[in-house]
Amino acid sequence: MTEQEKQPTADRDRTHKEAGEDQSSQETVQDDGAQVSTDSATAGVPEAAIPELVIISGMSGAGRSTAAKCLEDLGWFVVDNLPPALIPTMVELGARSQGNVARIAVVVDVRGRRFFDNLRESLADLESKHVTRRIVFLESSDEALVRRFESVRRPHPLQGDGRIVDGIDAERELLRELRGDADLVIDTSSLNVHELRAKMDAQFAGEEEPELRATVMSFGFKYGLPVDADLVADMRFLPNPHWIPELRPFNGLNEEVSAYVFNQPGAKEFLDRYAELLRLIAAGYRREGKRYVTIAIGCTGGKHRSVATAEKLAARLAAEGVETVVVHRDMGRE
C-alpha cells in the first residue's frame, strides 16, 4: 500500500483541494491564445471583455438621474444607488456576460452614505484590475439646488431637522474629495434637462473614445467664475471693445471685433504661449488618464474679448487633434 493510500480520506481530499487551488491561481491560456489570470475578480476573462465603467455622482438635485437616463438611452447598463462596495462585483458580472454588458454606469450618492466610505477602496480595487473607469460629477449652485428642492417640496437627504442649505453644506463636505477626483464636472446651475442631455451626448455618444476632450468656455467675471472650470484665463489685460461705439453692439464672433482684439499688443503672443502651455498640460492629463478638461476664458461681460479668444483657442486645439466643444456661457446676457 502506498503512502498516499495510507492517508485518511479527509486528508487526501484536503490534499486534492489544495492542489486544485494552487492550479486555479496560475495563469491559463485560452484556445484563442489570450492569456488571462485567475487571481482577480474578473478571473478567466480576457481584459478586452472587461466593461467600461462610469460612476455618476454629485449633488442631490443637480441632475444625476437625468445624466444616468441619458447614458441608458445610449446603450449603457445603468444601476442606480448601488453601494460602492458592490461596484467591483458588478464589473465582474459584466465581464462574464460574454460582451452583452460592455458599458456600465453606476449612480453613487448620499442615499447610500453608510457605504460611501467604501468607495475609495472600490476605486483602488478597480484600478488594480485595469478597469477603465471615469467619474462624472454633477455640480450646481446652492441657490439652484434650494430652488429645485422647494419646487418639488422634498427635503434634502441630509438636512435632518435643519434647513435645506444645511443638508447641501453637509453633502458638499461629504463629496469634496470625490469631486476633486472627477474626470468630468458638469455645472447644471443654469441648464435645463435638454441642455444637460446635450452635454452628456457630446461626451459619450461617440463610437470611439478620444484621447482628450476639451470644452472651451467664454464667460464674464461679473457673472461669476464657472464652477466646473479646470483652467481659467483672464483676458481683461486687453482693451475692451465695449468702449468702441461701432463695436459695442457686436460680440466676439464678429470678424471686426475679433480683429480688434487680436491686433492689440500681447494678444497673439498670449494665444501662442497659452496654446503651448495647454499642449504641456494635455500631455500630462493623458498620462494621468484624465479625458476631459474645461478651459474657461473670461473678460468683464463675457461678450467680446473672451468670446473671440475662446474661438481662436478652440480652433488651435481642434487642429492639434483635441476634440473640442465651444460654449459661450454669458454671451447675450446683457
C-alpha atoms as a PDB file:
ATOM      1  CA  MET A   1       0.000   0.000   0.000  1.00  0.00           C
ATOM      2  CA  THR A   2       1.432   3.383  -0.983  1.00  0.00           C
ATOM      3  CA  GLU A   3       1.853   6.297   1.408  1.00  0.00           C
ATOM      4  CA  GLN A   4      -0.939   8.172  -0.362  1.00  0.00           C
ATOM      5  CA  GLU A   5      -3.285   5.213   0.024  1.00  0.00           C
ATOM      6  CA  LYS A   6      -2.424   5.117   3.735  1.00  0.00           C
ATOM      7  CA  GLN A   7      -3.650   8.720   4.152  1.00  0.00           C
ATOM      8  CA  PRO A   8      -7.051   9.132   5.777  1.00  0.00           C
ATOM      9  CA  THR A   9      -9.795  10.003   3.290  1.00  0.00           C
ATOM     10  CA  ALA A  10     -10.261  13.530   4.704  1.00  0.00           C
ATOM     11  CA  ASP A  11      -6.532  14.233   4.378  1.00  0.00           C
ATOM     12  CA  ARG A  12      -6.486  13.005   0.761  1.00  0.00           C
ATOM     13  CA  ASP A  13      -9.485  15.206  -0.076  1.00  0.00           C
ATOM     14  CA  ARG A  14      -7.800  18.208   1.509  1.00  0.00           C
ATOM     15  CA  THR A  15      -4.603  17.497  -0.461  1.00  0.00           C
ATOM     16  CA  HIS A  16      -6.505  17.323  -3.759  1.00  0.00           C
ATOM     17  CA  LYS A  17      -8.402  20.549  -2.922  1.00  0.00           C
ATOM     18  CA  GLU A  18      -5.176  22.431  -2.126  1.00  0.00           C
ATOM     19  CA  ALA A  19      -3.606  21.185  -5.331  1.00  0.00           C
ATOM     20  CA  GLY A  20      -6.658  22.367  -7.266  1.00  0.00           C
ATOM     21  CA  GLU A  21      -6.487  25.785  -5.628  1.00  0.00           C
ATOM     22  CA  ASP A  22      -2.815  26.101  -6.498  1.00  0.00           C
ATOM     23  CA  GLN A  23      -3.572  25.231 -10.091  1.00  0.00           C
ATOM     24  CA  SER A  24      -6.526  27.681 -10.272  1.00  0.00           C
ATOM     25  CA  SER A  25      -4.312  30.586  -9.172  1.00  0.00           C
ATOM     26  CA  GLN A  26      -1.943  30.115 -12.077  1.00  0.00           C
ATOM     27  CA  GLU A  27      -2.237  31.737 -15.473  1.00  0.00           C
ATOM     28  CA  THR A  28      -4.075  29.796 -18.145  1.00  0.00           C
ATOM     29  CA  VAL A  29      -4.059  30.178 -21.900  1.00  0.00           C
ATOM     30  CA  GLN A  30      -7.358  30.122 -23.751  1.00  0.00           C
ATOM     31  CA  ASP A  31      -7.856  28.444 -27.111  1.00  0.00           C
ATOM     32  CA  ASP A  32      -7.608  31.799 -28.866  1.00  0.00           C
ATOM     33  CA  GLY A  33      -4.224  32.430 -27.277  1.00  0.00           C
ATOM     34  CA  ALA A  34      -5.457  35.137 -24.862  1.00  0.00           C
ATOM     35  CA  GLN A  35      -3.592  34.898 -21.591  1.00  0.00           C
ATOM     36  CA  VAL A  36      -5.719  35.561 -18.522  1.00  0.00           C
ATOM     37  CA  SER A  37      -5.105  35.470 -14.804  1.00  0.00           C
ATOM     38  CA  THR A  38      -7.489  33.852 -12.331  1.00  0.00           C
ATOM     39  CA  ASP A  39      -6.179  35.877  -9.409  1.00  0.00           C
ATOM     40  CA  SER A  40      -8.503  38.870  -9.996  1.00  0.00           C
ATOM     41  CA  ALA A  41     -12.218  39.345  -9.515  1.00  0.00           C
ATOM     42  CA  THR A  42     -12.561  39.011 -13.285  1.00  0.00           C
ATOM     43  CA  ALA A  43     -10.924  35.580 -13.236  1.00  0.00           C
ATOM     44  CA  GLY A  44     -10.724  33.756 -16.524  1.00  0.00           C
ATOM     45  CA  VAL A  45     -11.957  36.777 -18.507  1.00  0.00           C
ATOM     46  CA  PRO A  46      -9.773  38.429 -21.176  1.00  0.00           C
ATOM     47  CA  GLU A  47      -9.002  42.037 -20.348  1.00  0.00           C
ATOM     48  CA  ALA A  48     -10.759  43.108 -23.561  1.00  0.00           C
ATOM     49  CA  ALA A  49     -14.033  41.704 -22.147  1.00  0.00           C
ATOM     50  CA  ILE A  50     -13.964  43.837 -19.002  1.00  0.00           C
ATOM     51  CA  PRO A  51     -16.673  46.517 -19.410  1.00  0.00           C
ATOM     52  CA  GLU A  52     -16.136  50.256 -19.325  1.00  0.00           C
ATOM     53  CA  LEU A  53     -17.350  51.880 -16.127  1.00  0.00           C
ATOM     54  CA  VAL A  54     -18.760  55.342 -15.494  1.00  0.00           C
ATOM     55  CA  ILE A  55     -19.540  56.427 -11.941  1.00  0.00           C
ATOM     56  CA  ILE A  56     -22.144  59.201 -11.767  1.00  0.00           C
ATOM     57  CA  SER A  57     -22.222  61.206  -8.567  1.00  0.00           C
ATOM     58  CA  GLY A  58     -22.647  64.752  -7.389  1.00  0.00           C
ATOM     59  CA  MET A  59     -25.040  66.993  -5.527  1.00  0.00           C
ATOM     60  CA  SER A  60     -28.598  65.884  -4.861  1.00  0.00           C
ATOM     61  CA  GLY A  61     -30.840  67.827  -7.220  1.00  0.00           C
ATOM     62  CA  ALA A  62     -28.039  68.525  -9.706  1.00  0.00           C
ATOM     63  CA  GLY A  63     -29.307  66.082 -12.334  1.00  0.00           C
ATOM     64  CA  ARG A  64     -27.791  62.679 -11.601  1.00  0.00           C
ATOM     65  CA  SER A  65     -30.940  60.854 -12.721  1.00  0.00           C
ATOM     66  CA  THR A  66     -31.051  62.788 -15.989  1.00  0.00           C
ATOM     67  CA  ALA A  67     -27.398  62.013 -16.687  1.00  0.00           C
ATOM     68  CA  ALA A  68     -27.962  58.332 -15.926  1.00  0.00           C
ATOM     69  CA  LYS A  69     -31.041  58.197 -18.155  1.00  0.00           C
ATOM     70  CA  CYS A  70     -29.041  59.734 -20.990  1.00  0.00           C
ATOM     71  CA  LEU A  71     -26.394  57.004 -20.730  1.00  0.00           C
ATOM     72  CA  GLU A  72     -29.138  54.390 -20.589  1.00  0.00           C
ATOM     73  CA  ASP A  73     -30.559  55.755 -23.840  1.00  0.00           C
ATOM     74  CA  LEU A  74     -27.061  55.485 -25.340  1.00  0.00           C
ATOM     75  CA  GLY A  75     -26.969  51.775 -24.551  1.00  0.00           C
ATOM     76  CA  TRP A  76     -25.205  51.747 -21.192  1.00  0.00           C
ATOM     77  CA  PHE A  77     -26.287  49.329 -18.467  1.00  0.00           C
ATOM     78  CA  VAL A  78     -27.278  51.687 -15.627  1.00  0.00           C
ATOM     79  CA  VAL A  79     -27.549  50.813 -11.940  1.00  0.00           C
ATOM     80  CA  ASP A  80     -28.945  53.458  -9.589  1.00  0.00           C
ATOM     81  CA  ASN A  81     -27.856  53.833  -5.956  1.00  0.00           C
ATOM     82  CA  LEU A  82     -25.516  50.845  -5.934  1.00  0.00           C
ATOM     83  CA  PRO A  83     -23.487  50.544  -2.713  1.00  0.00           C
ATOM     84  CA  PRO A  84     -19.866  51.384  -3.629  1.00  0.00           C
ATOM     85  CA  ALA A  85     -18.592  48.108  -2.168  1.00  0.00           C
ATOM     86  CA  LEU A  86     -20.577  46.213  -4.822  1.00  0.00           C
ATOM     87  CA  ILE A  87     -19.146  48.097  -7.824  1.00  0.00           C
ATOM     88  CA  PRO A  88     -16.293  45.586  -8.431  1.00  0.00           C
ATOM     89  CA  THR A  89     -18.846  42.756  -8.266  1.00  0.00           C
ATOM     90  CA  MET A  90     -20.999  44.485 -10.869  1.00  0.00           C
ATOM     91  CA  VAL A  91     -17.966  44.870 -13.148  1.00  0.00           C
ATOM     92  CA  GLU A  92     -17.144  41.186 -12.676  1.00  0.00           C
ATOM     93  CA  LEU A  93     -20.673  40.176 -13.671  1.00  0.00           C
ATOM     94  CA  GLY A  94     -20.445  42.414 -16.725  1.00  0.00           C
ATOM     95  CA  ALA A  95     -17.137  40.833 -17.680  1.00  0.00           C
ATOM     96  CA  ARG A  96     -18.768  37.400 -17.591  1.00  0.00           C
ATOM     97  CA  SER A  97     -21.686  38.437 -19.804  1.00  0.00           C
ATOM     98  CA  GLN A  98     -19.819  37.473 -22.994  1.00  0.00           C
ATOM     99  CA  GLY A  99     -19.886  41.034 -24.264  1.00  0.00           C
ATOM    100  CA  ASN A 100     -23.589  41.639 -23.594  1.00  0.00           C
ATOM    101  CA  VAL A 101     -22.745  44.241 -20.951  1.00  0.00           C
ATOM    102  CA  ALA A 102     -19.854  46.241 -22.402  1.00  0.00           C
ATOM    103  CA  ARG A 103     -20.555  49.569 -20.664  1.00  0.00           C
ATOM    104  CA  ILE A 104     -21.802  50.050 -17.114  1.00  0.00           C
ATOM    105  CA  ALA A 105     -22.901  53.282 -15.426  1.00  0.00           C
ATOM    106  CA  VAL A 106     -23.345  53.343 -11.660  1.00  0.00           C
ATOM    107  CA  VAL A 107     -25.070  56.150  -9.753  1.00  0.00           C
ATOM    108  CA  VAL A 108     -23.492  56.693  -6.330  1.00  0.00           C
ATOM    109  CA  ASP A 109     -24.972  59.269  -3.980  1.00  0.00           C
ATOM    110  CA  VAL A 110     -25.598  60.107  -0.354  1.00  0.00           C
ATOM    111  CA  ARG A 111     -28.626  57.830  -0.164  1.00  0.00           C
ATOM    112  CA  GLY A 112     -26.004  55.110   0.255  1.00  0.00           C
ATOM    113  CA  ARG A 113     -23.900  57.195   2.635  1.00  0.00           C
ATOM    114  CA  ARG A 114     -23.283  54.374   5.117  1.00  0.00           C
ATOM    115  CA  PHE A 115     -21.451  52.584   2.287  1.00  0.00           C
ATOM    116  CA  PHE A 116     -19.776  55.716   0.976  1.00  0.00           C
ATOM    117  CA  ASP A 117     -16.544  55.154   2.872  1.00  0.00           C
ATOM    118  CA  ASN A 118     -16.048  52.014   0.779  1.00  0.00           C
ATOM    119  CA  LEU A 119     -15.936  53.952  -2.492  1.00  0.00           C
ATOM    120  CA  ARG A 120     -12.239  54.790  -2.407  1.00  0.00           C
ATOM    121  CA  GLU A 121     -11.365  51.188  -1.616  1.00  0.00           C
ATOM    122  CA  SER A 122     -13.521  50.024  -4.536  1.00  0.00           C
ATOM    123  CA  LEU A 123     -11.888  52.524  -6.893  1.00  0.00           C
ATOM    124  CA  ALA A 124      -8.439  51.310  -5.867  1.00  0.00           C
ATOM    125  CA  ASP A 125      -9.570  47.728  -6.444  1.00  0.00           C
ATOM    126  CA  LEU A 126     -10.813  48.599  -9.937  1.00  0.00           C
ATOM    127  CA  GLU A 127      -7.567  50.381 -10.769  1.00  0.00           C
ATOM    128  CA  SER A 128      -5.533  47.354  -9.743  1.00  0.00           C
ATOM    129  CA  LYS A 129      -7.596  45.260 -12.153  1.00  0.00           C
ATOM    130  CA  HIS A 130      -7.050  47.746 -15.001  1.00  0.00           C
ATOM    131  CA  VAL A 131     -10.751  48.575 -15.307  1.00  0.00           C
ATOM    132  CA  THR A 132     -11.361  51.684 -17.416  1.00  0.00           C
ATOM    133  CA  ARG A 133     -13.432  53.898 -15.147  1.00  0.00           C
ATOM    134  CA  ARG A 134     -14.495  57.526 -15.255  1.00  0.00           C
ATOM    135  CA  ILE A 135     -16.199  59.705 -12.667  1.00  0.00           C
ATOM    136  CA  VAL A 136     -18.849  62.218 -13.751  1.00  0.00           C
ATOM    137  CA  PHE A 137     -19.707  64.765 -11.048  1.00  0.00           C
ATOM    138  CA  LEU A 138     -22.897  66.847 -11.285  1.00  0.00           C
ATOM    139  CA  GLU A 139     -22.473  70.245  -9.615  1.00  0.00           C
ATOM    140  CA  SER A 140     -24.886  73.122  -9.026  1.00  0.00           C
ATOM    141  CA  SER A 141     -25.072  76.347  -7.048  1.00  0.00           C
ATOM    142  CA  ASP A 142     -26.709  76.487  -3.641  1.00  0.00           C
ATOM    143  CA  GLU A 143     -29.381  78.851  -4.990  1.00  0.00           C
ATOM    144  CA  ALA A 144     -30.316  76.499  -7.820  1.00  0.00           C
ATOM    145  CA  LEU A 145     -30.422  73.463  -5.518  1.00  0.00           C
ATOM    146  CA  VAL A 146     -32.618  75.209  -2.945  1.00  0.00           C
ATOM    147  CA  ARG A 147     -34.964  76.331  -5.704  1.00  0.00           C
ATOM    148  CA  ARG A 148     -35.246  72.796  -7.076  1.00  0.00           C
ATOM    149  CA  PHE A 149     -35.921  71.192  -3.700  1.00  0.00           C
ATOM    150  CA  GLU A 150     -38.522  73.800  -2.862  1.00  0.00           C
ATOM    151  CA  SER A 151     -40.241  73.376  -6.211  1.00  0.00           C
ATOM    152  CA  VAL A 152     -40.779  69.631  -5.626  1.00  0.00           C
ATOM    153  CA  ARG A 153     -41.450  70.119  -1.883  1.00  0.00           C
ATOM    154  CA  ARG A 154     -38.982  67.459  -0.866  1.00  0.00           C
ATOM    155  CA  PRO A 155     -36.378  67.616   1.912  1.00  0.00           C
ATOM    156  CA  HIS A 156     -32.688  67.300   1.180  1.00  0.00           C
ATOM    157  CA  PRO A 157     -31.468  63.777   2.059  1.00  0.00           C
ATOM    158  CA  LEU A 158     -29.015  65.155   4.647  1.00  0.00           C
ATOM    159  CA  GLN A 159     -30.898  68.090   6.146  1.00  0.00           C
ATOM    160  CA  GLY A 160     -32.422  66.147   9.032  1.00  0.00           C
ATOM    161  CA  ASP A 161     -34.183  68.625  11.303  1.00  0.00           C
ATOM    162  CA  GLY A 162     -32.315  71.568   9.788  1.00  0.00           C
ATOM    163  CA  ARG A 163     -32.774  73.628   6.647  1.00  0.00           C
ATOM    164  CA  ILE A 164     -32.195  72.642   3.039  1.00  0.00           C
ATOM    165  CA  VAL A 165     -28.976  74.674   2.982  1.00  0.00           C
ATOM    166  CA  ASP A 166     -27.701  72.683   5.969  1.00  0.00           C
ATOM    167  CA  GLY A 167     -28.159  69.471   4.014  1.00  0.00           C
ATOM    168  CA  ILE A 168     -26.430  70.989   0.968  1.00  0.00           C
ATOM    169  CA  ASP A 169     -23.457  72.085   3.079  1.00  0.00           C
ATOM    170  CA  ALA A 170     -23.152  68.620   4.620  1.00  0.00           C
ATOM    171  CA  GLU A 171     -23.319  66.965   1.224  1.00  0.00           C
ATOM    172  CA  ARG A 172     -20.673  69.265  -0.279  1.00  0.00           C
ATOM    173  CA  GLU A 173     -18.310  68.367   2.527  1.00  0.00           C
ATOM    174  CA  LEU A 174     -19.011  64.661   2.111  1.00  0.00           C
ATOM    175  CA  LEU A 175     -18.414  64.773  -1.648  1.00  0.00           C
ATOM    176  CA  ARG A 176     -15.482  67.192  -1.664  1.00  0.00           C
ATOM    177  CA  GLU A 177     -12.798  64.561  -2.192  1.00  0.00           C
ATOM    178  CA  LEU A 178     -14.789  62.721  -4.871  1.00  0.00           C
ATOM    179  CA  ARG A 179     -15.336  65.978  -6.761  1.00  0.00           C
ATOM    180  CA  GLY A 180     -11.587  66.519  -6.790  1.00  0.00           C
ATOM    181  CA  ASP A 181     -11.079  63.082  -8.347  1.00  0.00           C
ATOM    182  CA  ALA A 182     -13.770  63.547 -11.005  1.00  0.00           C
ATOM    183  CA  ASP A 183     -12.853  63.208 -14.675  1.00  0.00           C
ATOM    184  CA  LEU A 184     -15.771  65.386 -15.763  1.00  0.00           C
ATOM    185  CA  VAL A 185     -17.567  68.071 -13.721  1.00  0.00           C
ATOM    186  CA  ILE A 186     -20.806  69.471 -15.156  1.00  0.00           C
ATOM    187  CA  ASP A 187     -22.330  72.580 -13.614  1.00  0.00           C
ATOM    188  CA  THR A 188     -26.098  72.348 -14.083  1.00  0.00           C
ATOM    189  CA  SER A 189     -26.993  75.601 -12.300  1.00  0.00           C
ATOM    190  CA  SER A 190     -28.283  77.224 -15.479  1.00  0.00           C
ATOM    191  CA  LEU A 191     -29.015  74.091 -17.531  1.00  0.00           C
ATOM    192  CA  ASN A 192     -32.405  72.614 -18.267  1.00  0.00           C
ATOM    193  CA  VAL A 193     -32.966  68.891 -18.801  1.00  0.00           C
ATOM    194  CA  HIS A 194     -32.417  69.090 -22.563  1.00  0.00           C
ATOM    195  CA  GLU A 195     -29.181  71.054 -22.221  1.00  0.00           C
ATOM    196  CA  LEU A 196     -27.800  68.543 -19.700  1.00  0.00           C
ATOM    197  CA  ARG A 197     -28.674  65.679 -22.023  1.00  0.00           C
ATOM    198  CA  ALA A 198     -26.902  67.502 -24.858  1.00  0.00           C
ATOM    199  CA  LYS A 199     -23.751  67.797 -22.725  1.00  0.00           C
ATOM    200  CA  MET A 200     -23.840  64.097 -21.878  1.00  0.00           C
ATOM    201  CA  ASP A 201     -24.422  63.197 -25.525  1.00  0.00           C
ATOM    202  CA  ALA A 202     -21.460  65.335 -26.550  1.00  0.00           C
ATOM    203  CA  GLN A 203     -19.198  63.442 -24.144  1.00  0.00           C
ATOM    204  CA  PHE A 204     -20.439  59.857 -24.524  1.00  0.00           C
ATOM    205  CA  ALA A 205     -22.278  59.448 -27.838  1.00  0.00           C
ATOM    206  CA  GLY A 206     -19.139  58.955 -29.959  1.00  0.00           C
ATOM    207  CA  GLU A 207     -18.359  55.496 -31.278  1.00  0.00           C
ATOM    208  CA  GLU A 208     -14.693  55.786 -30.325  1.00  0.00           C
ATOM    209  CA  GLU A 209     -13.335  57.372 -27.169  1.00  0.00           C
ATOM    210  CA  PRO A 210     -10.900  60.211 -27.972  1.00  0.00           C
ATOM    211  CA  GLU A 211      -7.724  60.685 -26.003  1.00  0.00           C
ATOM    212  CA  LEU A 212      -8.849  64.057 -24.681  1.00  0.00           C
ATOM    213  CA  ARG A 213     -11.991  66.168 -24.916  1.00  0.00           C
ATOM    214  CA  ALA A 214     -11.868  69.888 -24.242  1.00  0.00           C
ATOM    215  CA  THR A 215     -14.654  72.338 -23.527  1.00  0.00           C
ATOM    216  CA  VAL A 216     -13.558  75.923 -24.156  1.00  0.00           C
ATOM    217  CA  MET A 217     -15.943  78.250 -22.352  1.00  0.00           C
ATOM    218  CA  SER A 218     -16.114  82.029 -22.544  1.00  0.00           C
ATOM    219  CA  PHE A 219     -17.602  83.811 -19.536  1.00  0.00           C
ATOM    220  CA  GLY A 220     -17.963  87.169 -17.848  1.00  0.00           C
ATOM    221  CA  PHE A 221     -16.278  87.737 -14.493  1.00  0.00           C
ATOM    222  CA  LYS A 222     -19.174  89.938 -13.406  1.00  0.00           C
ATOM    223  CA  TYR A 223     -21.404  86.841 -13.566  1.00  0.00           C
ATOM    224  CA  GLY A 224     -19.015  84.702 -11.530  1.00  0.00           C
ATOM    225  CA  LEU A 225     -16.397  82.063 -12.228  1.00  0.00           C
ATOM    226  CA  PRO A 226     -17.557  78.785 -13.834  1.00  0.00           C
ATOM    227  CA  VAL A 227     -17.504  76.211 -11.047  1.00  0.00           C
ATOM    228  CA  ASP A 228     -16.660  73.389 -13.454  1.00  0.00           C
ATOM    229  CA  ALA A 229     -13.554  75.044 -14.932  1.00  0.00           C
ATOM    230  CA  ASP A 230     -10.243  73.185 -14.729  1.00  0.00           C
ATOM    231  CA  LEU A 231      -8.236  76.137 -16.098  1.00  0.00           C
ATOM    232  CA  VAL A 232      -9.099  79.845 -16.139  1.00  0.00           C
ATOM    233  CA  ALA A 233      -7.553  82.579 -18.296  1.00  0.00           C
ATOM    234  CA  ASP A 234      -8.257  86.295 -17.811  1.00  0.00           C
ATOM    235  CA  MET A 235      -8.452  88.444 -20.966  1.00  0.00           C
ATOM    236  CA  ARG A 236      -9.068  91.710 -19.135  1.00  0.00           C
ATOM    237  CA  PHE A 237      -5.474  92.730 -19.812  1.00  0.00           C
ATOM    238  CA  LEU A 238      -6.639  93.672 -23.323  1.00  0.00           C
ATOM    239  CA  PRO A 239      -8.587  96.860 -24.208  1.00  0.00           C
ATOM    240  CA  ASN A 240     -12.337  96.340 -24.060  1.00  0.00           C
ATOM    241  CA  PRO A 241     -14.203  96.675 -27.408  1.00  0.00           C
ATOM    242  CA  HIS A 242     -17.195  97.756 -25.351  1.00  0.00           C
ATOM    243  CA  TRP A 243     -15.746 101.259 -25.347  1.00  0.00           C
ATOM    244  CA  ILE A 244     -15.555 101.388 -29.154  1.00  0.00           C
ATOM    245  CA  PRO A 245     -19.011 102.656 -30.211  1.00  0.00           C
ATOM    246  CA  GLU A 246     -19.046 100.864 -33.569  1.00  0.00           C
ATOM    247  CA  LEU A 247     -18.031  97.540 -31.962  1.00  0.00           C
ATOM    248  CA  ARG A 248     -20.151  97.687 -28.811  1.00  0.00           C
ATOM    249  CA  PRO A 249     -23.336  96.150 -30.331  1.00  0.00           C
ATOM    250  CA  PHE A 250     -21.462  93.102 -31.634  1.00  0.00           C
ATOM    251  CA  ASN A 251     -19.791  90.161 -29.890  1.00  0.00           C
ATOM    252  CA  GLY A 252     -16.566  88.235 -30.281  1.00  0.00           C
ATOM    253  CA  LEU A 253     -17.955  86.130 -33.112  1.00  0.00           C
ATOM    254  CA  ASN A 254     -17.910  89.231 -35.283  1.00  0.00           C
ATOM    255  CA  GLU A 255     -14.833  89.417 -37.533  1.00  0.00           C
ATOM    256  CA  GLU A 256     -14.233  93.109 -36.821  1.00  0.00           C
ATOM    257  CA  VAL A 257     -14.383  92.549 -33.066  1.00  0.00           C
ATOM    258  CA  SER A 258     -12.031  89.557 -33.314  1.00  0.00           C
ATOM    259  CA  ALA A 259      -9.603  91.537 -35.480  1.00  0.00           C
ATOM    260  CA  TYR A 260      -9.663  94.420 -32.985  1.00  0.00           C
ATOM    261  CA  VAL A 261      -8.928  92.080 -30.076  1.00  0.00           C
ATOM    262  CA  PHE A 262      -6.021  90.295 -31.746  1.00  0.00           C
ATOM    263  CA  ASN A 263      -4.451  93.470 -33.106  1.00  0.00           C
ATOM    264  CA  GLN A 264      -3.842  94.589 -29.520  1.00  0.00           C
ATOM    265  CA  PRO A 265      -0.313  94.276 -28.074  1.00  0.00           C
ATOM    266  CA  GLY A 266       0.140  90.919 -26.380  1.00  0.00           C
ATOM    267  CA  ALA A 267      -2.998  89.245 -27.752  1.00  0.00           C
ATOM    268  CA  LYS A 268      -1.361  86.998 -30.350  1.00  0.00           C
ATOM    269  CA  GLU A 269       1.579  86.306 -28.037  1.00  0.00           C
ATOM    270  CA  PHE A 270      -0.829  85.233 -25.301  1.00  0.00           C
ATOM    271  CA  LEU A 271      -2.659  82.865 -27.662  1.00  0.00           C
ATOM    272  CA  ASP A 272       0.604  81.285 -28.840  1.00  0.00           C
ATOM    273  CA  ARG A 273       2.029  80.790 -25.358  1.00  0.00           C
ATOM    274  CA  TYR A 274      -1.231  79.639 -23.808  1.00  0.00           C
ATOM    275  CA  ALA A 275      -1.683  77.076 -26.597  1.00  0.00           C
ATOM    276  CA  GLU A 276       1.858  75.870 -25.911  1.00  0.00           C
ATOM    277  CA  LEU A 277       1.084  75.611 -22.196  1.00  0.00           C
ATOM    278  CA  LEU A 278      -2.071  73.632 -22.949  1.00  0.00           C
ATOM    279  CA  ARG A 279      -0.071  71.164 -25.022  1.00  0.00           C
ATOM    280  CA  LEU A 280       2.122  70.518 -21.986  1.00  0.00           C
ATOM    281  CA  ILE A 281      -0.889  70.183 -19.682  1.00  0.00           C
ATOM    282  CA  ALA A 282      -2.781  67.967 -22.142  1.00  0.00           C
ATOM    283  CA  ALA A 283       0.135  65.547 -22.314  1.00  0.00           C
ATOM    284  CA  GLY A 284       0.082  65.299 -18.522  1.00  0.00           C
ATOM    285  CA  TYR A 285      -3.684  64.801 -18.450  1.00  0.00           C
ATOM    286  CA  ARG A 286      -3.358  61.938 -20.928  1.00  0.00           C
ATOM    287  CA  ARG A 287      -0.641  60.282 -18.845  1.00  0.00           C
ATOM    288  CA  GLU A 288      -2.872  60.534 -15.775  1.00  0.00           C
ATOM    289  CA  GLY A 289      -5.883  59.157 -17.651  1.00  0.00           C
ATOM    290  CA  LYS A 290      -7.875  62.407 -17.489  1.00  0.00           C
ATOM    291  CA  ARG A 291     -10.078  62.583 -20.572  1.00  0.00           C
ATOM    292  CA  TYR A 292     -11.972  65.829 -20.063  1.00  0.00           C
ATOM    293  CA  VAL A 293     -10.832  69.390 -19.485  1.00  0.00           C
ATOM    294  CA  THR A 294     -12.823  72.610 -19.261  1.00  0.00           C
ATOM    295  CA  ILE A 295     -10.880  75.742 -20.170  1.00  0.00           C
ATOM    296  CA  ALA A 296     -12.599  78.960 -19.129  1.00  0.00           C
ATOM    297  CA  ILE A 297     -11.687  82.217 -20.877  1.00  0.00           C
ATOM    298  CA  GLY A 298     -13.008  85.297 -19.095  1.00  0.00           C
ATOM    299  CA  CYS A 299     -13.447  89.003 -19.654  1.00  0.00           C
ATOM    300  CA  THR A 300     -15.656  91.564 -17.924  1.00  0.00           C
ATOM    301  CA  GLY A 301     -19.003  90.723 -19.513  1.00  0.00           C
ATOM    302  CA  GLY A 302     -18.265  87.567 -21.484  1.00  0.00           C
ATOM    303  CA  LYS A 303     -19.208  89.226 -24.780  1.00  0.00           C
ATOM    304  CA  HIS A 304     -16.163  90.435 -26.717  1.00  0.00           C
ATOM    305  CA  ARG A 305     -12.615  89.505 -25.648  1.00  0.00           C
ATOM    306  CA  SER A 306     -13.364  86.146 -24.065  1.00  0.00           C
ATOM    307  CA  VAL A 307     -15.588  85.036 -26.947  1.00  0.00           C
ATOM    308  CA  ALA A 308     -13.025  85.957 -29.607  1.00  0.00           C
ATOM    309  CA  THR A 309     -10.214  84.263 -27.679  1.00  0.00           C
ATOM    310  CA  ALA A 310     -12.246  81.122 -26.966  1.00  0.00           C
ATOM    311  CA  GLU A 311     -12.984  80.719 -30.669  1.00  0.00           C
ATOM    312  CA  LYS A 312      -9.323  81.105 -31.642  1.00  0.00           C
ATOM    313  CA  LEU A 313      -8.112  78.770 -28.901  1.00  0.00           C
ATOM    314  CA  ALA A 314     -10.685  76.095 -29.746  1.00  0.00           C
ATOM    315  CA  ALA A 315      -9.584  76.196 -33.380  1.00  0.00           C
ATOM    316  CA  ARG A 316      -5.956  75.687 -32.289  1.00  0.00           C
ATOM    317  CA  LEU A 317      -6.875  72.691 -30.126  1.00  0.00           C
ATOM    318  CA  ALA A 318      -9.023  71.120 -32.834  1.00  0.00           C
ATOM    319  CA  ALA A 319      -6.179  71.478 -35.335  1.00  0.00           C
ATOM    320  CA  GLU A 320      -3.967  69.511 -32.921  1.00  0.00           C
ATOM    321  CA  GLY A 321      -6.405  66.611 -32.701  1.00  0.00           C
ATOM    322  CA  VAL A 322      -8.193  67.532 -29.474  1.00  0.00           C
ATOM    323  CA  GLU A 323     -11.955  67.045 -29.734  1.00  0.00           C
ATOM    324  CA  THR A 324     -13.256  70.467 -28.762  1.00  0.00           C
ATOM    325  CA  VAL A 325     -16.616  71.982 -27.850  1.00  0.00           C
ATOM    326  CA  VAL A 326     -17.069  75.755 -27.567  1.00  0.00           C
ATOM    327  CA  VAL A 327     -19.561  77.224 -25.087  1.00  0.00           C
ATOM    328  CA  HIS A 328     -20.247  80.941 -24.698  1.00  0.00           C
ATOM    329  CA  ARG A 329     -21.834  80.990 -21.255  1.00  0.00           C
ATOM    330  CA  ASP A 330     -22.696  84.651 -20.864  1.00  0.00           C
ATOM    331  CA  MET A 331     -22.931  85.943 -24.413  1.00  0.00           C
ATOM    332  CA  GLY A 332     -26.309  87.637 -24.850  1.00  0.00           C
ATOM    333  CA  ARG A 333     -26.956  88.218 -21.140  1.00  0.00           C
ATOM    334  CA  GLU A 334     -26.547  91.978 -21.411  1.00  0.00           C
END
